[in-house]
Amino acid sequence: MKTRTEKVGDAQVLFVETRGTFMSGGMMGDQVVPKPGSALLGAVVEGPDASWFFKFTGPETTVTAQRAAFEAMIRSVQHGG
């Protein structure tokens, strides 16, 4: 897992990234199915009264191809006021 922090406007953002075999299912008796070649991009945006959590998971090729779009979305977050 990789992490990094970045200042976006007046908010501190923690970016998270991981790759590997994710486990799918397991809810309410569903069978757990391994999903090799998966990836996750996440971000925690600290707000004045709460933190906002964003998560993007899927096949590694899809997540990698959309990294710039995900990060652009996170950098567009603004606090109300």
C-alpha atoms as a PDB file:
ATOM      1  CA  MET A   1       0.000   0.000   0.000  1.00  0.00           C
ATOM      2  CA  LYS A   2       1.209   3.513  -0.828  1.00  0.00           C
ATOM      3  CA  THR A   3       0.051   6.698   0.859  1.00  0.00           C
ATOM      4  CA  ARG A   4       0.805  10.369   0.383  1.00  0.00           C
ATOM      5  CA  THR A   5      -0.645  13.634   1.620  1.00  0.00           C
ATOM      6  CA  GLU A   6      -1.384  16.758  -0.354  1.00  0.00           C
ATOM      7  CA  LYS A   7      -2.861  20.154   0.441  1.00  0.00           C
ATOM      8  CA  VAL A   8      -5.959  20.847  -1.706  1.00  0.00           C
ATOM      9  CA  GLY A   9      -7.265  24.362  -1.117  1.00  0.00           C
ATOM     10  CA  ASP A  10      -7.538  24.600   2.661  1.00  0.00           C
ATOM     11  CA  ALA A  11      -7.959  20.830   3.141  1.00  0.00           C
ATOM     12  CA  GLN A  12      -5.396  18.146   3.861  1.00  0.00           C
ATOM     13  CA  VAL A  13      -5.913  15.054   1.646  1.00  0.00           C
ATOM     14  CA  LEU A  14      -4.581  11.558   2.297  1.00  0.00           C
ATOM     15  CA  PHE A  15      -4.280   9.555  -0.950  1.00  0.00           C
ATOM     16  CA  VAL A  16      -4.150   5.749  -0.694  1.00  0.00           C
ATOM     17  CA  GLU A  17      -3.268   3.196  -3.363  1.00  0.00           C
ATOM     18  CA  THR A  18      -3.081  -0.600  -3.294  1.00  0.00           C
ATOM     19  CA  ARG A  19      -3.011  -3.431  -5.827  1.00  0.00           C
ATOM     20  CA  GLY A  20      -3.352  -7.194  -5.674  1.00  0.00           C
ATOM     21  CA  THR A  21      -5.975  -9.876  -5.198  1.00  0.00           C
ATOM     22  CA  PHE A  22      -9.137  -8.491  -3.641  1.00  0.00           C
ATOM     23  CA  MET A  23     -11.800 -10.713  -2.134  1.00  0.00           C
ATOM     24  CA  SER A  24     -15.356 -10.188  -3.379  1.00  0.00           C
ATOM     25  CA  GLY A  25     -18.589 -11.357  -1.775  1.00  0.00           C
ATOM     26  CA  GLY A  26     -18.950 -12.884   1.665  1.00  0.00           C
ATOM     27  CA  MET A  27     -21.955 -10.748   2.580  1.00  0.00           C
ATOM     28  CA  MET A  28     -25.032 -12.563   3.856  1.00  0.00           C
ATOM     29  CA  GLY A  29     -23.615 -16.001   3.060  1.00  0.00           C
ATOM     30  CA  ASP A  30     -22.336 -15.169  -0.443  1.00  0.00           C
ATOM     31  CA  GLN A  31     -19.330 -17.139  -1.603  1.00  0.00           C
ATOM     32  CA  VAL A  32     -16.020 -15.286  -1.296  1.00  0.00           C
ATOM     33  CA  VAL A  33     -14.389 -14.992  -4.727  1.00  0.00           C
ATOM     34  CA  PRO A  34     -10.770 -13.877  -5.252  1.00  0.00           C
ATOM     35  CA  LYS A  35     -10.322 -11.076  -7.807  1.00  0.00           C
ATOM     36  CA  PRO A  36      -6.653 -11.049  -8.902  1.00  0.00           C
ATOM     37  CA  GLY A  37      -5.332  -8.017 -10.774  1.00  0.00           C
ATOM     38  CA  SER A  38      -7.415  -5.541  -8.788  1.00  0.00           C
ATOM     39  CA  ALA A  39      -6.535  -2.039  -7.621  1.00  0.00           C
ATOM     40  CA  LEU A  40      -7.886   0.615  -5.262  1.00  0.00           C
ATOM     41  CA  LEU A  41      -7.453   4.373  -5.231  1.00  0.00           C
ATOM     42  CA  GLY A  42      -8.766   6.165  -2.174  1.00  0.00           C
ATOM     43  CA  ALA A  43      -8.737   9.611  -0.651  1.00  0.00           C
ATOM     44  CA  VAL A  44      -9.646  11.067   2.728  1.00  0.00           C
ATOM     45  CA  VAL A  45     -10.389  14.788   2.568  1.00  0.00           C
ATOM     46  CA  GLU A  46     -10.306  16.488   5.960  1.00  0.00           C
ATOM     47  CA  GLY A  47     -13.184  18.907   6.375  1.00  0.00           C
ATOM     48  CA  PRO A  48     -13.904  21.488   9.072  1.00  0.00           C
ATOM     49  CA  ASP A  49     -16.548  19.307  10.721  1.00  0.00           C
ATOM     50  CA  ALA A  50     -16.050  15.856   9.158  1.00  0.00           C
ATOM     51  CA  SER A  51     -13.764  13.915   6.851  1.00  0.00           C
ATOM     52  CA  TRP A  52     -14.949  12.764   3.424  1.00  0.00           C
ATOM     53  CA  PHE A  53     -13.951   9.332   2.141  1.00  0.00           C
ATOM     54  CA  PHE A  54     -13.657   8.402  -1.567  1.00  0.00           C
ATOM     55  CA  LYS A  55     -12.874   4.938  -2.949  1.00  0.00           C
ATOM     56  CA  PHE A  56     -12.404   3.665  -6.497  1.00  0.00           C
ATOM     57  CA  THR A  57     -11.877  -0.080  -7.041  1.00  0.00           C
ATOM     58  CA  GLY A  58     -11.776  -2.280 -10.106  1.00  0.00           C
ATOM     59  CA  PRO A  59      -9.463  -4.081 -12.492  1.00  0.00           C
ATOM     60  CA  GLU A  60      -5.931  -2.680 -12.243  1.00  0.00           C
ATOM     61  CA  THR A  61      -5.894  -1.615 -15.909  1.00  0.00           C
ATOM     62  CA  THR A  62      -9.124   0.384 -15.494  1.00  0.00           C
ATOM     63  CA  VAL A  63      -8.093   2.012 -12.215  1.00  0.00           C
ATOM     64  CA  THR A  64      -4.646   2.915 -13.576  1.00  0.00           C
ATOM     65  CA  ALA A  65      -6.159   4.410 -16.749  1.00  0.00           C
ATOM     66  CA  GLN A  66      -8.534   6.582 -14.666  1.00  0.00           C
ATOM     67  CA  ARG A  67      -6.050   7.726 -11.996  1.00  0.00           C
ATOM     68  CA  ALA A  68      -5.763  11.275 -13.393  1.00  0.00           C
ATOM     69  CA  ALA A  69      -9.569  11.639 -13.518  1.00  0.00           C
ATOM     70  CA  PHE A  70      -9.932  10.360  -9.933  1.00  0.00           C
ATOM     71  CA  GLU A  71      -7.273  12.747  -8.642  1.00  0.00           C
ATOM     72  CA  ALA A  72      -8.782  15.657 -10.596  1.00  0.00           C
ATOM     73  CA  MET A  73     -12.154  14.931  -8.966  1.00  0.00           C
ATOM     74  CA  ILE A  74     -10.548  14.944  -5.510  1.00  0.00           C
ATOM     75  CA  ARG A  75      -8.735  18.224  -6.239  1.00  0.00           C
ATOM     76  CA  SER A  76     -12.079  19.780  -7.236  1.00  0.00           C
ATOM     77  CA  VAL A  77     -13.646  19.193  -3.804  1.00  0.00           C
ATOM     78  CA  GLN A  78     -14.616  22.432  -2.086  1.00  0.00           C
ATOM     79  CA  HIS A  79     -15.954  23.087   1.370  1.00  0.00           C
ATOM     80  CA  GLY A  80     -19.310  24.831   1.557  1.00  0.00           C
ATOM     81  CA  GLY A  81     -19.437  28.152   3.207  1.00  0.00           C
END
